[in-house]
PDB file of all heavy atoms in Angstrom:
ATOM      1  N   ASN A   1      63.066   1.868   2.854  1.00  0.00           N
ATOM      2  CA  ASN A   1      61.673   1.366   3.179  1.00  0.00           C
ATOM      3  C   ASN A   1      60.964   2.346   4.106  1.00  0.00           C
ATOM      4  O   ASN A   1      61.361   2.764   5.129  1.00  0.00           O
ATOM      5  CB  ASN A   1      61.858   0.003   3.889  1.00  0.00           C
ATOM      6  CG  ASN A   1      62.370  -1.043   3.010  1.00  0.00           C
ATOM      7  OD1 ASN A   1      62.123  -0.994   1.893  1.00  0.00           O
ATOM      8  ND2 ASN A   1      62.938  -2.123   3.587  1.00  0.00           N
ATOM      9  N   PRO A   2      59.674   2.657   3.572  1.00  0.00           N
ATOM     10  CA  PRO A   2      58.885   3.566   4.322  1.00  0.00           C
ATOM     11  C   PRO A   2      57.960   2.936   5.283  1.00  0.00           C
ATOM     12  O   PRO A   2      57.513   1.838   5.073  1.00  0.00           O
ATOM     13  CB  PRO A   2      58.126   4.339   3.277  1.00  0.00           C
ATOM     14  CG  PRO A   2      57.949   3.368   2.207  1.00  0.00           C
ATOM     15  CD  PRO A   2      59.134   2.306   2.216  1.00  0.00           C
ATOM     16  N   THR A   3      57.580   3.625   6.342  1.00  0.00           N
ATOM     17  CA  THR A   3      56.518   3.279   7.276  1.00  0.00           C
ATOM     18  C   THR A   3      55.580   4.392   7.527  1.00  0.00           C
ATOM     19  O   THR A   3      56.023   5.653   7.403  1.00  0.00           O
ATOM     20  CB  THR A   3      57.025   2.662   8.608  1.00  0.00           C
ATOM     21  OG1 THR A   3      57.837   3.703   9.276  1.00  0.00           O
ATOM     22  CG2 THR A   3      57.804   1.428   8.298  1.00  0.00           C
ATOM     23  N   TYR A   4      54.362   4.203   7.854  1.00  0.00           N
ATOM     24  CA  TYR A   4      53.374   5.303   7.939  1.00  0.00           C
ATOM     25  C   TYR A   4      52.453   5.050   9.153  1.00  0.00           C
ATOM     26  O   TYR A   4      52.151   3.777   9.501  1.00  0.00           O
ATOM     27  CB  TYR A   4      52.540   5.551   6.765  1.00  0.00           C
ATOM     28  CG  TYR A   4      53.420   5.793   5.463  1.00  0.00           C
ATOM     29  CD1 TYR A   4      53.714   4.912   4.586  1.00  0.00           C
ATOM     30  CD2 TYR A   4      53.787   7.195   5.313  1.00  0.00           C
ATOM     31  CE1 TYR A   4      54.555   5.135   3.458  1.00  0.00           C
ATOM     32  CE2 TYR A   4      54.586   7.345   4.234  1.00  0.00           C
ATOM     33  CZ  TYR A   4      54.816   6.341   3.291  1.00  0.00           C
ATOM     34  OH  TYR A   4      55.622   6.683   2.099  1.00  0.00           O
ATOM     35  N   SER A   5      51.969   6.037   9.754  1.00  0.00           N
ATOM     36  CA  SER A   5      50.967   5.922  10.795  1.00  0.00           C
ATOM     37  C   SER A   5      49.615   5.619  10.033  1.00  0.00           C
ATOM     38  O   SER A   5      49.526   6.070   8.890  1.00  0.00           O
ATOM     39  CB  SER A   5      50.906   7.012  11.659  1.00  0.00           C
ATOM     40  OG  SER A   5      50.376   8.244  11.002  1.00  0.00           O
ATOM     41  N   GLY A   6      48.600   5.183  10.736  1.00  0.00           N
ATOM     42  CA  GLY A   6      47.443   4.833  10.198  1.00  0.00           C
ATOM     43  C   GLY A   6      46.615   6.071   9.684  1.00  0.00           C
ATOM     44  O   GLY A   6      45.906   6.094   8.751  1.00  0.00           O
ATOM     45  N   SER A   7      46.874   7.267  10.310  1.00  0.00           N
ATOM     46  CA  SER A   7      46.249   8.443  10.018  1.00  0.00           C
ATOM     47  C   SER A   7      46.685   9.104   8.700  1.00  0.00           C
ATOM     48  O   SER A   7      45.902   9.929   8.127  1.00  0.00           O
ATOM     49  CB  SER A   7      46.439   9.558  11.221  1.00  0.00           C
ATOM     50  OG  SER A   7      47.786   9.848  11.319  1.00  0.00           O
ATOM     51  N   VAL A   8      47.856   8.648   8.201  1.00  0.00           N
ATOM     52  CA  VAL A   8      48.362   9.281   6.977  1.00  0.00           C
ATOM     53  C   VAL A   8      48.610   8.354   5.920  1.00  0.00           C
ATOM     54  O   VAL A   8      48.887   8.746   4.721  1.00  0.00           O
ATOM     55  CB  VAL A   8      49.612  10.123   7.157  1.00  0.00           C
ATOM     56  CG1 VAL A   8      49.456  11.159   8.313  1.00  0.00           C
ATOM     57  CG2 VAL A   8      50.885   9.197   7.550  1.00  0.00           C
ATOM     58  N   LYS A   9      48.414   7.016   6.211  1.00  0.00           N
ATOM     59  CA  LYS A   9      48.803   6.083   5.171  1.00  0.00           C
ATOM     60  C   LYS A   9      47.848   6.111   4.005  1.00  0.00           C
ATOM     61  O   LYS A   9      46.636   6.365   4.166  1.00  0.00           O
ATOM     62  CB  LYS A   9      48.523   4.652   5.989  1.00  0.00           C
ATOM     63  CG  LYS A   9      48.880   3.450   4.931  1.00  0.00           C
ATOM     64  CD  LYS A   9      48.647   2.132   5.670  1.00  0.00           C
ATOM     65  CE  LYS A   9      49.153   0.994   4.838  1.00  0.00           C
ATOM     66  NZ  LYS A   9      48.893  -0.229   5.378  1.00  0.00           N
ATOM     67  N   GLY A  10      48.544   6.125   2.863  1.00  0.00           N
ATOM     68  CA  GLY A  10      47.730   6.281   1.648  1.00  0.00           C
ATOM     69  C   GLY A  10      47.661   7.697   1.077  1.00  0.00           C
ATOM     70  O   GLY A  10      47.261   7.889  -0.003  1.00  0.00           O
ATOM     71  N   ARG A  11      47.939   8.634   1.977  1.00  0.00           N
ATOM     72  CA  ARG A  11      47.998  10.065   1.561  1.00  0.00           C
ATOM     73  C   ARG A  11      49.248  10.693   1.588  1.00  0.00           C
ATOM     74  O   ARG A  11      49.445  11.685   0.795  1.00  0.00           O
ATOM     75  CB  ARG A  11      47.009  10.829   2.653  1.00  0.00           C
ATOM     76  CG  ARG A  11      45.587  10.363   2.636  1.00  0.00           C
ATOM     77  CD  ARG A  11      44.677  11.361   3.388  1.00  0.00           C
ATOM     78  NE  ARG A  11      45.169  11.409   4.959  1.00  0.00           N
ATOM     79  CZ  ARG A  11      45.540  12.354   5.468  1.00  0.00           C
ATOM     80  NH1 ARG A  11      45.597  13.689   4.870  1.00  0.00           N
ATOM     81  NH2 ARG A  11      45.943  12.429   6.843  1.00  0.00           N
ATOM     82  N   PHE A  12      50.159  10.325   2.511  1.00  0.00           N
ATOM     83  CA  PHE A  12      51.517  10.773   2.449  1.00  0.00           C
ATOM     84  C   PHE A  12      52.509   9.858   1.994  1.00  0.00           C
ATOM     85  O   PHE A  12      52.329   8.664   2.055  1.00  0.00           O
ATOM     86  CB  PHE A  12      51.925  11.152   3.999  1.00  0.00           C
ATOM     87  CG  PHE A  12      51.146  12.348   4.575  1.00  0.00           C
ATOM     88  CD1 PHE A  12      49.998  12.805   3.976  1.00  0.00           C
ATOM     89  CD2 PHE A  12      51.469  12.764   5.788  1.00  0.00           C
ATOM     90  CE1 PHE A  12      49.230  13.942   4.588  1.00  0.00           C
ATOM     91  CE2 PHE A  12      50.813  13.806   6.475  1.00  0.00           C
ATOM     92  CZ  PHE A  12      49.695  14.261   5.818  1.00  0.00           C
ATOM     93  N   ALA A  13      53.610  10.384   1.480  1.00  0.00           N
ATOM     94  CA  ALA A  13      54.709   9.576   0.873  1.00  0.00           C
ATOM     95  C   ALA A  13      56.091  10.188   1.361  1.00  0.00           C
ATOM     96  O   ALA A  13      56.237  11.336   1.116  1.00  0.00           O
ATOM     97  CB  ALA A  13      54.680   9.423  -0.666  1.00  0.00           C
ATOM     98  N   ILE A  14      56.845   9.375   2.028  1.00  0.00           N
ATOM     99  CA  ILE A  14      58.162   9.796   2.408  1.00  0.00           C
ATOM    100  C   ILE A  14      59.236   9.210   1.559  1.00  0.00           C
ATOM    101  O   ILE A  14      59.084   8.055   0.991  1.00  0.00           O
ATOM    102  CB  ILE A  14      58.514   9.315   3.899  1.00  0.00           C
ATOM    103  CG1 ILE A  14      59.753   9.934   4.412  1.00  0.00           C
ATOM    104  CG2 ILE A  14      58.396   7.782   4.062  1.00  0.00           C
ATOM    105  CD1 ILE A  14      59.938   9.661   5.962  1.00  0.00           C
ATOM    106  N   SER A  15      60.210   9.952   1.215  1.00  0.00           N
ATOM    107  CA  SER A  15      61.256   9.681   0.308  1.00  0.00           C
ATOM    108  C   SER A  15      62.524  10.318   0.774  1.00  0.00           C
ATOM    109  O   SER A  15      62.505  11.259   1.501  1.00  0.00           O
ATOM    110  CB  SER A  15      61.020   9.882  -1.176  1.00  0.00           C
ATOM    111  OG  SER A  15      60.715  11.281  -1.249  1.00  0.00           O
ATOM    112  N   ARG A  16      63.708   9.873   0.227  1.00  0.00           N
ATOM    113  CA  ARG A  16      64.990  10.507   0.587  1.00  0.00           C
ATOM    114  C   ARG A  16      65.813  10.500  -0.643  1.00  0.00           C
ATOM    115  O   ARG A  16      65.807   9.673  -1.566  1.00  0.00           O
ATOM    116  CB  ARG A  16      65.673   9.663   1.792  1.00  0.00           C
ATOM    117  CG  ARG A  16      66.018   8.292   1.365  1.00  0.00           C
ATOM    118  CD  ARG A  16      66.493   7.568   2.751  1.00  0.00           C
ATOM    119  NE  ARG A  16      67.608   8.114   3.299  1.00  0.00           N
ATOM    120  CZ  ARG A  16      68.102   7.911   4.538  1.00  0.00           C
ATOM    121  NH1 ARG A  16      67.418   6.980   5.352  1.00  0.00           N
ATOM    122  NH2 ARG A  16      69.166   8.423   5.003  1.00  0.00           N
ATOM    123  N   ASP A  17      66.609  11.589  -0.661  1.00  0.00           N
ATOM    124  CA  ASP A  17      67.697  11.805  -1.700  1.00  0.00           C
ATOM    125  C   ASP A  17      69.010  11.865  -0.920  1.00  0.00           C
ATOM    126  O   ASP A  17      69.273  12.909  -0.380  1.00  0.00           O
ATOM    127  CB  ASP A  17      67.417  13.079  -2.439  1.00  0.00           C
ATOM    128  CG  ASP A  17      68.344  13.139  -3.638  1.00  0.00           C
ATOM    129  OD1 ASP A  17      69.462  12.633  -3.545  1.00  0.00           O
ATOM    130  OD2 ASP A  17      68.052  13.897  -4.621  1.00  0.00           O
ATOM    131  N   ASN A  18      69.685  10.728  -0.900  1.00  0.00           N
ATOM    132  CA  ASN A  18      70.803  10.677  -0.041  1.00  0.00           C
ATOM    133  C   ASN A  18      71.962  11.599  -0.682  1.00  0.00           C
ATOM    134  O   ASN A  18      72.776  12.124   0.211  1.00  0.00           O
ATOM    135  CB  ASN A  18      71.395   9.262  -0.023  1.00  0.00           C
ATOM    136  CG  ASN A  18      70.471   8.399   0.841  1.00  0.00           C
ATOM    137  OD1 ASN A  18      69.785   8.797   1.792  1.00  0.00           O
ATOM    138  ND2 ASN A  18      70.567   7.082   0.605  1.00  0.00           N
ATOM    139  N   ALA A  19      72.022  11.845  -1.835  1.00  0.00           N
ATOM    140  CA  ALA A  19      73.041  12.621  -2.521  1.00  0.00           C
ATOM    141  C   ALA A  19      72.761  14.090  -1.968  1.00  0.00           C
ATOM    142  O   ALA A  19      73.755  14.892  -1.912  1.00  0.00           O
ATOM    143  CB  ALA A  19      72.969  12.601  -3.995  1.00  0.00           C
ATOM    144  N   LYS A  20      71.647  14.524  -1.684  1.00  0.00           N
ATOM    145  CA  LYS A  20      71.304  15.820  -1.196  1.00  0.00           C
ATOM    146  C   LYS A  20      71.056  15.966   0.261  1.00  0.00           C
ATOM    147  O   LYS A  20      70.776  17.026   0.738  1.00  0.00           O
ATOM    148  CB  LYS A  20      69.986  16.383  -1.952  1.00  0.00           C
ATOM    149  CG  LYS A  20      70.195  16.603  -3.480  1.00  0.00           C
ATOM    150  CD  LYS A  20      68.844  17.080  -4.082  1.00  0.00           C
ATOM    151  CE  LYS A  20      68.990  17.269  -5.571  1.00  0.00           C
ATOM    152  NZ  LYS A  20      67.698  17.830  -6.156  1.00  0.00           N
ATOM    153  N   ASN A  21      71.228  14.822   0.869  1.00  0.00           N
ATOM    154  CA  ASN A  21      70.981  14.787   2.350  1.00  0.00           C
ATOM    155  C   ASN A  21      69.671  15.441   2.690  1.00  0.00           C
ATOM    156  O   ASN A  21      69.521  16.092   3.755  1.00  0.00           O
ATOM    157  CB  ASN A  21      72.132  15.501   3.091  1.00  0.00           C
ATOM    158  CG  ASN A  21      73.621  14.867   2.949  1.00  0.00           C
ATOM    159  OD1 ASN A  21      73.609  13.608   3.068  1.00  0.00           O
ATOM    160  ND2 ASN A  21      74.435  15.592   2.741  1.00  0.00           N
ATOM    161  N   THR A  22      68.732  15.011   1.934  1.00  0.00           N
ATOM    162  CA  THR A  22      67.390  15.571   2.123  1.00  0.00           C
ATOM    163  C   THR A  22      66.228  14.416   2.110  1.00  0.00           C
ATOM    164  O   THR A  22      66.386  13.445   1.342  1.00  0.00           O
ATOM    165  CB  THR A  22      67.004  16.566   0.976  1.00  0.00           C
ATOM    166  OG1 THR A  22      68.030  17.599   1.023  1.00  0.00           O
ATOM    167  CG2 THR A  22      65.650  17.084   1.181  1.00  0.00           C
ATOM    168  N   VAL A  23      65.353  14.584   3.023  1.00  0.00           N
ATOM    169  CA  VAL A  23      64.265  13.723   3.051  1.00  0.00           C
ATOM    170  C   VAL A  23      63.014  14.567   2.872  1.00  0.00           C
ATOM    171  O   VAL A  23      62.849  15.616   3.271  1.00  0.00           O
ATOM    172  CB  VAL A  23      64.111  13.009   4.449  1.00  0.00           C
ATOM    173  CG1 VAL A  23      62.918  12.207   4.531  1.00  0.00           C
ATOM    174  CG2 VAL A  23      65.354  12.108   4.619  1.00  0.00           C
ATOM    175  N   TYR A  24      62.075  13.936   2.075  1.00  0.00           N
ATOM    176  CA  TYR A  24      60.832  14.641   1.707  1.00  0.00           C
ATOM    177  C   TYR A  24      59.589  13.961   2.279  1.00  0.00           C
ATOM    178  O   TYR A  24      59.581  12.717   2.600  1.00  0.00           O
ATOM    179  CB  TYR A  24      60.673  14.645   0.169  1.00  0.00           C
ATOM    180  CG  TYR A  24      61.841  15.256  -0.515  1.00  0.00           C
ATOM    181  CD1 TYR A  24      62.849  14.441  -1.045  1.00  0.00           C
ATOM    182  CD2 TYR A  24      61.965  16.650  -0.715  1.00  0.00           C
ATOM    183  CE1 TYR A  24      63.939  14.950  -1.717  1.00  0.00           C
ATOM    184  CE2 TYR A  24      63.055  17.133  -1.329  1.00  0.00           C
ATOM    185  CZ  TYR A  24      64.074  16.289  -1.815  1.00  0.00           C
ATOM    186  OH  TYR A  24      65.205  16.949  -2.427  1.00  0.00           O
ATOM    187  N   LEU A  25      58.534  14.807   2.597  1.00  0.00           N
ATOM    188  CA  LEU A  25      57.265  14.239   2.765  1.00  0.00           C
ATOM    189  C   LEU A  25      56.223  14.846   1.885  1.00  0.00           C
ATOM    190  O   LEU A  25      55.906  16.054   1.941  1.00  0.00           O
ATOM    191  CB  LEU A  25      56.916  14.687   4.215  1.00  0.00           C
ATOM    192  CG  LEU A  25      55.612  14.004   4.735  1.00  0.00           C
ATOM    193  CD1 LEU A  25      55.730  12.395   4.834  1.00  0.00           C
ATOM    194  CD2 LEU A  25      55.157  14.580   6.081  1.00  0.00           C
ATOM    195  N   GLN A  26      55.724  14.036   0.914  1.00  0.00           N
ATOM    196  CA  GLN A  26      54.741  14.579  -0.004  1.00  0.00           C
ATOM    197  C   GLN A  26      53.449  14.255   0.502  1.00  0.00           C
ATOM    198  O   GLN A  26      53.202  13.055   0.931  1.00  0.00           O
ATOM    199  CB  GLN A  26      54.840  13.806  -1.407  1.00  0.00           C
ATOM    200  CG  GLN A  26      53.890  14.211  -2.430  1.00  0.00           C
ATOM    201  CD  GLN A  26      54.004  15.607  -2.798  1.00  0.00           C
ATOM    202  OE1 GLN A  26      55.025  15.989  -3.249  1.00  0.00           O
ATOM    203  NE2 GLN A  26      52.940  16.493  -2.759  1.00  0.00           N
ATOM    204  N   MET A  27      52.588  15.253   0.756  1.00  0.00           N
ATOM    205  CA  MET A  27      51.274  15.201   1.385  1.00  0.00           C
ATOM    206  C   MET A  27      50.263  15.373   0.473  1.00  0.00           C
ATOM    207  O   MET A  27      50.092  16.482  -0.298  1.00  0.00           O
ATOM    208  CB  MET A  27      51.171  16.077   2.577  1.00  0.00           C
ATOM    209  CG  MET A  27      52.359  15.871   3.549  1.00  0.00           C
ATOM    210  SD  MET A  27      52.127  16.867   5.131  1.00  0.00           S
ATOM    211  CE  MET A  27      52.252  18.510   4.464  1.00  0.00           C
ATOM    212  N   TYR A  28      49.303  14.550   0.266  1.00  0.00           N
ATOM    213  CA  TYR A  28      48.063  14.684  -0.512  1.00  0.00           C
ATOM    214  C   TYR A  28      46.843  14.622   0.256  1.00  0.00           C
ATOM    215  O   TYR A  28      46.843  14.096   1.383  1.00  0.00           O
ATOM    216  CB  TYR A  28      48.048  13.557  -1.618  1.00  0.00           C
ATOM    217  CG  TYR A  28      49.263  13.578  -2.550  1.00  0.00           C
ATOM    218  CD1 TYR A  28      50.219  12.639  -2.504  1.00  0.00           C
ATOM    219  CD2 TYR A  28      49.292  14.423  -3.665  1.00  0.00           C
ATOM    220  CE1 TYR A  28      51.284  12.570  -3.420  1.00  0.00           C
ATOM    221  CE2 TYR A  28      50.417  14.429  -4.513  1.00  0.00           C
ATOM    222  CZ  TYR A  28      51.379  13.455  -4.392  1.00  0.00           C
ATOM    223  OH  TYR A  28      52.469  13.451  -5.268  1.00  0.00           O
ATOM    224  N   SER A  29      45.750  15.034  -0.367  1.00  0.00           N
ATOM    225  CA  SER A  29      44.427  14.999   0.286  1.00  0.00           C
ATOM    226  C   SER A  29      44.406  15.470   1.694  1.00  0.00           C
ATOM    227  O   SER A  29      44.014  14.822   2.699  1.00  0.00           O
ATOM    228  CB  SER A  29      43.970  13.514   0.174  1.00  0.00           C
ATOM    229  OG  SER A  29      43.878  13.027  -1.116  1.00  0.00           O
ATOM    230  N   LEU A  30      45.073  16.640   1.922  1.00  0.00           N
ATOM    231  CA  LEU A  30      45.177  17.105   3.218  1.00  0.00           C
ATOM    232  C   LEU A  30      43.799  17.400   3.942  1.00  0.00           C
ATOM    233  O   LEU A  30      42.941  17.856   3.266  1.00  0.00           O
ATOM    234  CB  LEU A  30      46.068  18.436   3.227  1.00  0.00           C
ATOM    235  CG  LEU A  30      47.525  18.019   3.126  1.00  0.00           C
ATOM    236  CD1 LEU A  30      48.282  19.309   2.627  1.00  0.00           C
ATOM    237  CD2 LEU A  30      48.171  17.509   4.375  1.00  0.00           C
ATOM    238  N   LYS A  31      43.809  17.212   5.220  1.00  0.00           N
ATOM    239  CA  LYS A  31      42.602  17.395   5.958  1.00  0.00           C
ATOM    240  C   LYS A  31      42.914  18.404   7.087  1.00  0.00           C
ATOM    241  O   LYS A  31      44.006  18.614   7.444  1.00  0.00           O
ATOM    242  CB  LYS A  31      42.167  16.016   6.667  1.00  0.00           C
ATOM    243  CG  LYS A  31      41.958  14.928   5.734  1.00  0.00           C
ATOM    244  CD  LYS A  31      41.705  13.625   6.430  1.00  0.00           C
ATOM    245  CE  LYS A  31      41.488  12.520   5.520  1.00  0.00           C
ATOM    246  NZ  LYS A  31      41.213  11.107   6.240  1.00  0.00           N
ATOM    247  N   PRO A  32      41.870  19.033   7.663  1.00  0.00           N
ATOM    248  CA  PRO A  32      42.078  19.972   8.723  1.00  0.00           C
ATOM    249  C   PRO A  32      42.819  19.428   9.919  1.00  0.00           C
ATOM    250  O   PRO A  32      43.495  20.068  10.636  1.00  0.00           O
ATOM    251  CB  PRO A  32      40.600  20.395   9.015  1.00  0.00           C
ATOM    252  CG  PRO A  32      39.925  20.369   7.746  1.00  0.00           C
ATOM    253  CD  PRO A  32      40.518  19.115   7.110  1.00  0.00           C
ATOM    254  N   GLU A  33      42.511  18.133  10.219  1.00  0.00           N
ATOM    255  CA  GLU A  33      43.219  17.430  11.287  1.00  0.00           C
ATOM    256  C   GLU A  33      44.691  17.199  11.032  1.00  0.00           C
ATOM    257  O   GLU A  33      45.417  16.824  11.941  1.00  0.00           O
ATOM    258  CB  GLU A  33      42.551  16.253  11.662  1.00  0.00           C
ATOM    259  CG  GLU A  33      42.328  15.182  10.532  1.00  0.00           C
ATOM    260  CD  GLU A  33      40.839  15.228   9.857  1.00  0.00           C
ATOM    261  OE1 GLU A  33      40.413  16.510   9.738  1.00  0.00           O
ATOM    262  OE2 GLU A  33      40.298  14.292   9.637  1.00  0.00           O
ATOM    263  N   ASP A  34      45.150  17.497   9.885  1.00  0.00           N
ATOM    264  CA  ASP A  34      46.547  17.411   9.523  1.00  0.00           C
ATOM    265  C   ASP A  34      47.362  18.724  10.022  1.00  0.00           C
ATOM    266  O   ASP A  34      48.538  18.782   9.931  1.00  0.00           O
ATOM    267  CB  ASP A  34      46.870  17.164   8.093  1.00  0.00           C
ATOM    268  CG  ASP A  34      46.269  15.825   7.579  1.00  0.00           C
ATOM    269  OD1 ASP A  34      46.538  14.806   8.235  1.00  0.00           O
ATOM    270  OD2 ASP A  34      45.783  15.818   6.514  1.00  0.00           O
TER     271      ASP A  34
END
């Protein structure tokens, strides 16, 4: 289950691959303030 701050909600997506012991952050529509 993911949670997001208001500043990135709708633009970023967090996911995990437990088999690879890896967590990802997919970032879209990036802004200079990011």
